[in-house]
Protein backbone atom coordinates (compact mmCIF):
# COMPACT_ATOMS: atom_id res chain seq x y z
CA MET A 1 33.80 59.66 9.43
CA LYS A 2 31.81 57.14 7.40
CA VAL A 3 29.30 54.63 8.69
CA GLY A 4 30.48 51.26 7.35
CA VAL A 5 27.12 49.47 7.26
CA THR A 6 27.45 46.06 5.62
CA GLU A 7 24.29 44.34 6.88
CA VAL A 8 20.75 45.38 7.79
CA VAL A 9 18.56 43.14 9.95
CA PHE A 10 14.77 43.52 9.73
CA ALA A 11 12.77 42.47 12.79
CA ILE A 12 9.44 41.33 11.40
CA ALA A 13 6.48 39.22 12.48
CA TYR A 14 3.89 39.11 9.70
CA ARG A 15 4.74 37.49 6.35
CA PRO A 16 8.47 38.23 6.15
CA GLU A 17 8.60 36.81 2.61
CA LEU A 18 6.77 39.90 1.32
CA LEU A 19 9.39 42.27 2.67
CA SER A 20 12.20 40.00 1.53
CA GLU A 21 10.90 39.94 -2.04
CA CYS A 22 10.44 43.72 -2.06
CA MET A 23 13.96 44.39 -0.77
CA LYS A 24 15.85 42.14 -3.20
CA LYS A 25 16.36 44.94 -5.72
CA TYR A 26 17.62 47.39 -3.09
CA GLU A 27 20.00 44.82 -1.63
CA LYS A 28 21.63 44.51 -5.05
CA ASP A 29 21.63 48.24 -5.77
CA ILE A 30 23.24 49.42 -2.52
CA LYS A 31 25.37 46.30 -1.96
CA ILE A 32 24.26 45.72 1.64
CA LYS A 33 23.18 42.32 2.92
CA PHE A 34 19.62 42.12 4.26
CA SER A 35 18.74 39.58 6.94
CA TYR A 36 15.38 38.87 8.58
CA SER A 37 14.60 38.01 12.20
CA GLN A 38 11.05 36.72 12.54
CA GLU A 39 9.05 37.00 15.75
CA MET A 40 6.67 34.10 16.32
CA GLU A 41 4.93 36.22 18.97
CA PRO A 42 5.00 39.99 19.55
CA LEU A 43 8.14 40.83 21.52
CA GLY A 44 7.70 44.56 22.03
CA THR A 45 10.49 46.99 21.20
CA ALA A 46 13.35 45.26 23.05
CA GLY A 47 12.70 41.54 22.60
CA PRO A 48 13.40 41.56 18.83
CA ILE A 49 16.90 42.92 19.49
CA ALA A 50 17.68 39.94 21.70
CA LEU A 51 16.12 37.59 19.15
CA ALA A 52 18.57 38.87 16.52
CA ARG A 53 21.62 38.60 18.78
CA SER A 54 23.30 35.89 16.69
CA ILE A 55 23.36 38.32 13.76
CA LEU A 56 24.04 41.59 15.56
CA ASP A 57 26.58 40.58 18.21
CA ASP A 58 29.88 40.83 16.34
CA GLY A 59 31.63 42.99 18.93
CA GLN A 60 30.80 46.27 17.21
CA PRO A 61 28.17 48.95 18.01
CA PHE A 62 24.97 48.62 16.01
CA PHE A 63 22.10 50.93 15.07
CA VAL A 64 18.43 50.26 15.88
CA LEU A 65 15.82 52.23 13.94
CA ASN A 66 12.04 52.30 14.26
CA SER A 67 10.44 51.63 10.87
CA ASP A 68 7.60 54.15 11.23
CA ILE A 69 9.61 57.37 11.25
CA ILE A 70 10.95 59.69 8.58
CA CYS A 71 13.77 62.15 9.20
CA THR A 72 17.22 63.18 8.05
CA PHE A 73 18.94 60.10 9.57
CA PRO A 74 22.35 61.65 10.49
CA LEU A 75 23.87 58.29 11.42
CA GLU A 76 27.47 59.40 11.01
CA ASP A 77 26.92 62.23 13.50
CA LEU A 78 25.31 59.83 15.97
CA LEU A 79 28.25 57.40 15.69
CA LYS A 80 30.74 60.19 16.33
CA PHE A 81 28.74 61.33 19.38
CA HIS A 82 28.45 57.75 20.68
CA ASN A 83 32.19 57.20 20.45
CA SER A 84 32.87 60.51 22.19
CA HIS A 85 31.02 59.63 25.42
CA GLY A 86 32.00 55.97 25.47
CA LYS A 87 28.90 54.65 27.26
CA GLU A 88 26.58 51.78 26.38
CA GLY A 89 23.85 53.56 24.43
CA SER A 90 22.93 56.69 22.50
CA ILE A 91 19.47 57.74 21.38
CA MET A 92 18.41 60.52 19.08
CA ILE A 93 15.90 63.00 20.48
CA THR A 94 13.84 65.61 18.68
CA LYS A 95 12.10 68.82 19.73
CA VAL A 96 8.29 69.00 19.74
CA GLU A 97 5.93 71.92 20.21
CA ASP A 98 3.60 70.19 22.70
CA PRO A 99 5.58 67.84 24.96
CA SER A 100 2.50 67.06 27.10
CA LYS A 101 1.40 64.51 24.47
CA TYR A 102 4.61 62.48 24.67
CA GLY A 103 7.06 60.80 26.96
CA VAL A 104 9.89 63.34 27.22
CA VAL A 105 13.63 62.91 27.78
CA VAL A 106 15.35 64.94 30.49
CA THR A 107 19.09 65.46 29.99
CA GLU A 108 22.06 67.07 31.70
CA SER A 109 25.15 68.60 30.16
CA GLU A 110 26.77 66.81 27.23
CA GLY A 111 23.59 64.82 26.65
CA LYS A 112 23.59 62.48 29.65
CA ILE A 113 20.01 61.27 30.20
CA VAL A 114 18.68 61.83 33.71
CA SER A 115 15.13 60.54 33.39
CA PHE A 116 12.08 59.89 31.22
CA VAL A 117 8.77 61.57 32.07
CA GLU A 118 5.52 60.31 30.50
CA LYS A 119 3.15 63.06 29.28
CA PRO A 120 4.26 65.73 31.77
CA LYS A 121 1.62 68.17 33.01
CA ASN A 122 4.29 70.72 33.86
CA PHE A 123 7.18 71.54 31.54
CA VAL A 124 10.30 69.48 32.18
CA SER A 125 11.59 69.06 28.62
CA ASN A 126 10.50 69.49 25.01
CA ARG A 127 12.63 66.63 23.66
CA ILE A 128 11.20 63.20 22.85
CA ASN A 129 12.65 59.87 21.76
CA ALA A 130 13.09 59.96 17.96
CA GLY A 131 13.33 56.16 17.56
CA ILE A 132 16.96 55.98 16.40
CA TYR A 133 19.49 54.27 18.67
CA LEU A 134 23.12 53.14 18.75
CA PHE A 135 24.15 50.41 21.21
CA ASN A 136 27.25 48.61 22.30
CA PRO A 137 26.90 44.79 22.30
CA SER A 138 26.84 44.85 26.12
CA ILE A 139 23.15 45.76 25.87
CA PHE A 140 22.43 42.09 25.11
CA GLU A 141 23.06 41.37 28.79
CA ARG A 142 20.05 43.54 29.64
CA ILE A 143 17.41 42.05 27.36
CA GLN A 144 15.91 38.66 26.57
CA ALA A 145 13.88 37.39 23.64
CA LYS A 146 10.58 37.94 25.40
CA PRO A 147 7.97 40.74 25.32
CA THR A 148 9.82 43.79 26.62
CA SER A 149 9.54 47.55 26.16
CA ILE A 150 12.91 49.14 25.55
CA GLU A 151 11.48 52.58 26.36
CA LYS A 152 9.83 51.65 29.68
CA GLU A 153 11.94 48.75 30.96
CA ILE A 154 15.45 49.07 29.53
CA PHE A 155 16.18 52.78 29.00
CA PRO A 156 15.28 53.93 32.56
CA LYS A 157 17.72 51.40 34.06
CA MET A 158 20.45 52.46 31.63
CA ALA A 159 19.85 56.09 32.58
CA GLU A 160 20.07 55.28 36.30
CA GLN A 161 23.47 53.71 35.67
CA MET A 162 24.56 56.72 33.55
CA GLN A 163 24.95 54.51 30.47
CA LEU A 164 22.56 56.33 28.14
CA TYR A 165 23.12 59.61 26.29
CA ALA A 166 20.93 61.70 23.98
CA PHE A 167 21.83 63.42 20.73
CA ASP A 168 19.66 66.20 19.27
CA LEU A 169 18.39 65.28 15.82
CA PRO A 170 18.99 68.08 13.32
CA GLY A 171 16.44 68.67 10.59
CA PHE A 172 12.92 67.31 10.26
CA TRP A 173 11.30 64.32 11.98
CA MET A 174 7.88 62.69 11.88
CA ASP A 175 6.24 59.55 13.22
CA ILE A 176 4.39 58.21 10.16
CA GLY A 177 2.50 55.30 11.71
CA GLN A 178 -0.92 56.78 10.87
CA PRO A 179 -2.14 57.80 7.37
CA LYS A 180 -2.50 61.51 8.20
CA ASP A 181 0.95 61.56 9.80
CA PHE A 182 2.36 59.66 6.83
CA GLN A 183 1.25 62.43 4.50
CA THR A 184 2.69 65.06 6.84
CA GLY A 185 5.96 63.14 6.72
CA VAL A 186 5.85 63.11 2.93
CA SER A 187 5.45 66.89 2.86
CA LEU A 188 8.40 67.31 5.24
CA TYR A 189 10.54 65.01 3.10
CA LEU A 190 9.62 66.81 -0.13
CA ASN A 191 10.47 70.16 1.45
CA HIS A 192 13.81 68.70 2.55
CA LEU A 193 14.38 67.42 -0.98
CA ARG A 194 13.67 70.93 -2.30
CA GLN A 195 16.55 72.18 -0.18
CA ILE A 196 19.16 69.51 -0.91
CA ALA A 197 18.30 68.19 -4.41
CA PRO A 198 15.63 70.34 -6.11
CA GLN A 199 16.46 68.82 -9.50
CA GLN A 200 14.76 65.60 -8.40
CA LEU A 201 11.39 67.34 -8.12
CA ARG A 202 9.07 67.88 -11.06
CA ASN A 203 9.41 71.36 -12.51
CA ASP A 204 6.68 71.69 -15.14
CA SER A 205 3.70 73.94 -15.69
CA ASP A 206 1.37 71.27 -14.29
CA VAL A 207 2.99 71.44 -10.82
CA ILE A 208 2.13 73.45 -7.72
CA GLY A 209 4.65 73.23 -4.88
CA ASN A 210 6.71 70.11 -4.24
CA VAL A 211 5.94 67.09 -6.43
CA LEU A 212 8.03 63.95 -6.95
CA VAL A 213 7.21 61.84 -10.02
CA ASP A 214 9.01 58.65 -11.00
CA GLU A 215 10.50 58.81 -14.48
CA THR A 216 8.45 55.81 -15.61
CA ALA A 217 5.10 57.45 -14.74
CA LYS A 218 2.94 58.87 -17.53
CA ILE A 219 1.18 62.18 -16.91
CA GLY A 220 -1.61 63.28 -19.27
CA LYS A 221 -2.53 66.71 -20.61
CA GLY A 222 -4.19 69.33 -18.45
CA CYS A 223 -3.30 67.70 -15.13
CA VAL A 224 -2.52 69.74 -12.02
CA LEU A 225 -0.28 68.07 -9.43
CA GLY A 226 0.61 69.29 -5.96
CA PRO A 227 1.46 70.42 -3.52
CA ASN A 228 2.95 67.47 -1.62
CA VAL A 229 2.39 64.73 -4.17
CA THR A 230 4.47 61.65 -4.93
CA ILE A 231 3.75 59.39 -7.91
CA GLY A 232 5.43 55.99 -8.09
CA LYS A 233 6.74 53.73 -10.82
CA ASN A 234 4.67 52.82 -13.87
CA CYS A 235 1.68 54.95 -12.89
CA THR A 236 -0.69 56.36 -15.49
CA ILE A 237 -2.37 59.68 -14.77
CA GLU A 238 -4.81 60.49 -17.56
CA ASP A 239 -5.85 63.91 -18.86
CA GLY A 240 -7.36 66.52 -16.59
CA VAL A 241 -6.60 64.84 -13.27
CA ARG A 242 -6.11 66.95 -10.11
CA ILE A 243 -3.96 65.48 -7.31
CA THR A 244 -2.99 67.20 -4.07
CA ASP A 245 -1.42 66.06 -0.77
CA THR A 246 -1.41 62.45 -1.92
CA THR A 247 0.88 59.46 -2.27
CA VAL A 248 0.28 57.37 -5.40
CA LEU A 249 2.08 54.03 -5.21
CA GLU A 250 3.45 51.87 -8.03
CA GLY A 251 1.27 50.80 -10.93
CA VAL A 252 -1.74 52.99 -10.18
CA ILE A 253 -4.07 54.20 -12.95
CA ILE A 254 -6.10 57.36 -12.40
CA ARG A 255 -8.58 57.91 -15.20
CA ALA A 256 -9.40 61.27 -16.79
CA ASN A 257 -10.84 64.23 -14.89
CA SER A 258 -10.68 62.67 -11.43
CA LEU A 259 -9.78 64.46 -8.18
CA VAL A 260 -7.58 62.81 -5.57
CA LYS A 261 -6.99 64.84 -2.43
CA SER A 262 -5.25 64.02 0.88
CA SER A 263 -5.12 60.28 0.27
CA ILE A 264 -2.88 57.23 -0.16
CA ILE A 265 -3.53 55.13 -3.27
CA GLY A 266 -2.25 51.56 -3.02
CA TRP A 267 -0.26 49.56 -5.54
CA HIS A 268 -1.94 48.71 -8.86
CA SER A 269 -5.25 50.33 -7.96
CA THR A 270 -7.44 51.96 -10.60
CA ILE A 271 -9.58 55.07 -10.11
CA GLY A 272 -12.27 55.62 -12.71
CA LYS A 273 -13.14 58.76 -14.68
CA TRP A 274 -14.62 61.76 -12.86
CA ALA A 275 -14.12 60.08 -9.48
CA ARG A 276 -13.52 62.07 -6.29
CA ILE A 277 -11.25 60.58 -3.60
CA GLU A 278 -10.64 62.78 -0.56
CA ASN A 279 -10.40 63.30 3.21
CA MET A 280 -7.54 60.90 3.97
CA CYS A 281 -8.74 57.93 1.97
CA VAL A 282 -6.48 54.89 1.98
CA LEU A 283 -6.92 52.41 -0.86
CA GLY A 284 -5.23 49.04 -0.41
CA GLN A 285 -3.51 47.12 -3.18
CA ASP A 286 -5.51 46.45 -6.35
CA VAL A 287 -8.62 48.45 -5.44
CA GLN A 288 -10.92 49.22 -8.37
CA VAL A 289 -13.01 52.40 -8.17
CA ASP A 290 -15.76 52.85 -10.77
CA ASN A 291 -16.36 56.01 -12.80
CA GLU A 292 -17.92 59.01 -11.02
CA ILE A 293 -17.58 57.48 -7.54
CA HIS A 294 -17.07 59.68 -4.47
CA ILE A 295 -15.10 58.24 -1.51
CA ASN A 296 -14.94 60.45 1.57
CA GLY A 297 -12.38 59.24 4.09
CA GLY A 298 -12.76 55.55 3.24
CA LYS A 299 -10.20 52.92 4.23
CA VAL A 300 -10.55 50.23 1.56
CA LEU A 301 -9.01 46.79 2.01
CA PRO A 302 -7.01 45.22 -0.87
CA HIS A 303 -8.64 43.70 -3.96
CA LYS A 304 -12.01 45.41 -3.45
CA SER A 305 -14.23 46.97 -6.10
CA ILE A 306 -16.09 50.17 -5.20
CA SER A 307 -19.22 50.78 -7.26
CA GLU A 308 -21.20 52.92 -4.80
CA ASN A 309 -20.39 56.22 -3.14
CA VAL A 310 -18.82 56.21 0.33
CA ARG A 311 -20.28 59.37 1.84
CA GLU A 312 -18.85 59.06 5.36
CA PRO A 313 -15.47 57.78 6.60
CA ALA A 314 -15.64 54.00 6.97
CA ILE A 315 -13.60 50.81 6.62
CA ILE A 316 -14.58 48.92 3.48
CA MET A 317 -13.96 45.21 3.95
């Protein structure tokens, strides 16, 4: 069974033109139409679905995916499961080690959802909502284009009416809404890539563990990369640089003999020679870091120049 996706709708509030411009290339490459549904006010997790009804309601089931997760995305398996039970909605669930930190999903046989329990003190389930759904168009009768939580207001009613089923997500899953979790998600993805397509990972003497480097990036002599490093398009990594547990986005320059550890380096930023960037730093777009600067856990807004050390974690505005 193949998922015949022909259109993807992005629900977005802030500056949709930025996402639209970024996605133009991918729209052409994968031959799928991208549409954009803009919220003029925050509508929660259900309201945007209703707002996009004119695009989504063509009589066929449709997927809804949270944008801040990374996983294996077995959409074909979810579609097959959804068709097998014939009810209004299906959600993917994933197993966690400590369910007391989450809202958990309680199911019966064949995946029928019985209830949702928020941060249970006693064990009732170790499955949580993975943020991937498949709905029949009839769900539009349940929601309006107003601030609404699909998890707290819509799903419990669907469960009461026995219209909501859960499918166990195989493979890895991570909520990547926070920088530290983003890097954990990267490491999970790279490990997954090692299993399914190891040829895509860098396999040179300068690599430790899993490292993904775009073919347009330039890596200097004497560098050591990894583990859990990704380097984007048109990056320049000069001689003697050490990078570990870090995402380096497109167009970044890291000058010679610098250390970048457990950080996210934004588009077109430059890190000077002998600099030290560590402890979950996040540099926004076009940040300029001078030579020999130490940044410890700093969150630096776009287009800033850093000429003094940042000794303690702080937001640099």
